[in-house]
C-alpha atoms as a PDB file:
ATOM      1  CA  MET A   1       7.510  11.662   7.699  1.00  0.00           C
ATOM      2  CA  ARG A   2       5.384  12.504  10.656  1.00  0.00           C
ATOM      3  CA  THR A   3       1.810  11.427  11.196  1.00  0.00           C
ATOM      4  CA  PRO A   4      -0.432  14.445  10.619  1.00  0.00           C
ATOM      5  CA  THR A   5      -2.080  15.747  13.752  1.00  0.00           C
ATOM      6  CA  HIS A   6      -4.061  18.778  12.624  1.00  0.00           C
ATOM      7  CA  LEU A   7      -5.951  17.761   9.526  1.00  0.00           C
ATOM      8  CA  PRO A   8      -9.225  19.321   8.476  1.00  0.00           C
ATOM      9  CA  THR A   9     -12.078  16.986   9.361  1.00  0.00           C
ATOM     10  CA  SER A  10     -13.722  16.746   5.960  1.00  0.00           C
ATOM     11  CA  ALA A  11     -12.344  19.303   3.505  1.00  0.00           C
ATOM     12  CA  PRO A  12     -10.162  17.819   0.757  1.00  0.00           C
ATOM     13  CA  MET A  13      -6.570  19.009   0.774  1.00  0.00           C
ATOM     14  CA  SER A  14      -4.184  19.997  -2.002  1.00  0.00           C
ATOM     15  CA  PRO A  15      -0.873  18.180  -2.483  1.00  0.00           C
ATOM     16  CA  THR A  16       0.912  21.213  -1.018  1.00  0.00           C
ATOM     17  CA  GLN A  17      -1.259  21.119   2.111  1.00  0.00           C
ATOM     18  CA  VAL A  18      -0.644  17.383   2.477  1.00  0.00           C
ATOM     19  CA  ALA A  19       3.108  17.932   2.127  1.00  0.00           C
ATOM     20  CA  GLN A  20       3.049  20.574   4.864  1.00  0.00           C
ATOM     21  CA  ALA A  21       0.910  18.419   7.171  1.00  0.00           C
ATOM     22  CA  THR A  22       3.163  15.373   6.763  1.00  0.00           C
ATOM     23  CA  ASN A  23       6.490  17.221   6.663  1.00  0.00           C
ATOM     24  CA  THR A  24       7.309  15.921   3.186  1.00  0.00           C
ATOM     25  CA  SER A  25       7.779  17.577  -0.188  1.00  0.00           C
ATOM     26  CA  ARG A  26       4.994  18.204  -2.676  1.00  0.00           C
ATOM     27  CA  ARG A  27       6.894  15.976  -5.120  1.00  0.00           C
ATOM     28  CA  THR A  28       6.783  13.083  -2.631  1.00  0.00           C
ATOM     29  CA  VAL A  29       3.013  13.512  -2.393  1.00  0.00           C
ATOM     30  CA  MET A  30       2.681  13.617  -6.181  1.00  0.00           C
ATOM     31  CA  ARG A  31       4.801  10.469  -6.553  1.00  0.00           C
ATOM     32  CA  ALA A  32       2.537   8.703  -4.048  1.00  0.00           C
ATOM     33  CA  ILE A  33      -0.527   9.766  -6.065  1.00  0.00           C
ATOM     34  CA  GLU A  34       1.088   8.615  -9.325  1.00  0.00           C
ATOM     35  CA  ALA A  35       2.020   5.260  -7.746  1.00  0.00           C
ATOM     36  CA  GLN A  36      -1.546   4.959  -6.406  1.00  0.00           C
ATOM     37  CA  GLU A  37      -0.213   4.748  -2.847  1.00  0.00           C
ATOM     38  CA  LEU A  38      -2.243   7.840  -1.948  1.00  0.00           C
ATOM     39  CA  SER A  39      -5.859   8.128  -3.077  1.00  0.00           C
ATOM     40  CA  ALA A  40      -6.619  11.433  -4.773  1.00  0.00           C
ATOM     41  CA  PHE A  41      -9.107  12.898  -7.213  1.00  0.00           C
ATOM     42  CA  ARG A  42      -9.312  15.924  -9.477  1.00  0.00           C
ATOM     43  CA  ASP A  43     -11.847  18.644  -8.768  1.00  0.00           C
ATOM     44  CA  ASN A  44     -13.836  20.541 -11.382  1.00  0.00           C
ATOM     45  CA  ARG A  45     -10.848  22.881 -11.929  1.00  0.00           C
ATOM     46  CA  ASN A  46      -8.584  19.868 -12.572  1.00  0.00           C
ATOM     47  CA  HIS A  47      -6.687  20.329  -9.285  1.00  0.00           C
ATOM     48  CA  TRP A  48      -5.646  17.319  -7.241  1.00  0.00           C
ATOM     49  CA  LYS A  49      -7.540  16.894  -3.971  1.00  0.00           C
ATOM     50  CA  ILE A  50      -6.884  14.392  -1.199  1.00  0.00           C
ATOM     51  CA  THR A  51      -9.224  13.523   1.647  1.00  0.00           C
ATOM     52  CA  PRO A  52      -7.854  13.723   5.203  1.00  0.00           C
ATOM     53  CA  GLN A  53      -8.702  10.041   5.685  1.00  0.00           C
ATOM     54  CA  SER A  54      -6.500   9.112   2.697  1.00  0.00           C
ATOM     55  CA  VAL A  55      -3.681  11.244   4.113  1.00  0.00           C
ATOM     56  CA  GLU A  56      -3.876   9.497   7.478  1.00  0.00           C
ATOM     57  CA  GLU A  57      -3.874   6.044   5.883  1.00  0.00           C
ATOM     58  CA  TRP A  58      -0.919   6.934   3.661  1.00  0.00           C
ATOM     59  CA  ALA A  59       1.058   8.510   6.508  1.00  0.00           C
ATOM     60  CA  LEU A  60       0.492   5.464   8.722  1.00  0.00           C
ATOM     61  CA  ALA A  61       1.554   3.116   5.922  1.00  0.00           C
ATOM     62  CA  GLN A  62       4.734   5.170   5.431  1.00  0.00           C
ATOM     63  CA  SER A  63       5.618   5.213   9.124  1.00  0.00           C
ATOM     64  CA  THR A  64       5.139   1.506   9.829  1.00  0.00           C
ATOM     65  CA  PRO A  65       8.037  -0.826   9.007  1.00  0.00           C
ATOM     66  CA  SER A  66       7.279  -3.122   6.089  1.00  0.00           C
ATOM     67  CA  GLY A  67       9.489  -5.940   7.391  1.00  0.00           C
END
């Protein structure tokens, strides 16, 4: 996974957009949401949305060694 470099400053992103920005699959993003490793919320159309700040925090946590 790469750390995202070109994230929107404030607009929430969809899981697909997060996957593209972090070079991962949409399923990986959805698993992170389900495991509560990535903070997300549902909009008024029941679509998942993720803030750029949450994406950055998640990407950094994934790229740093846990040892």
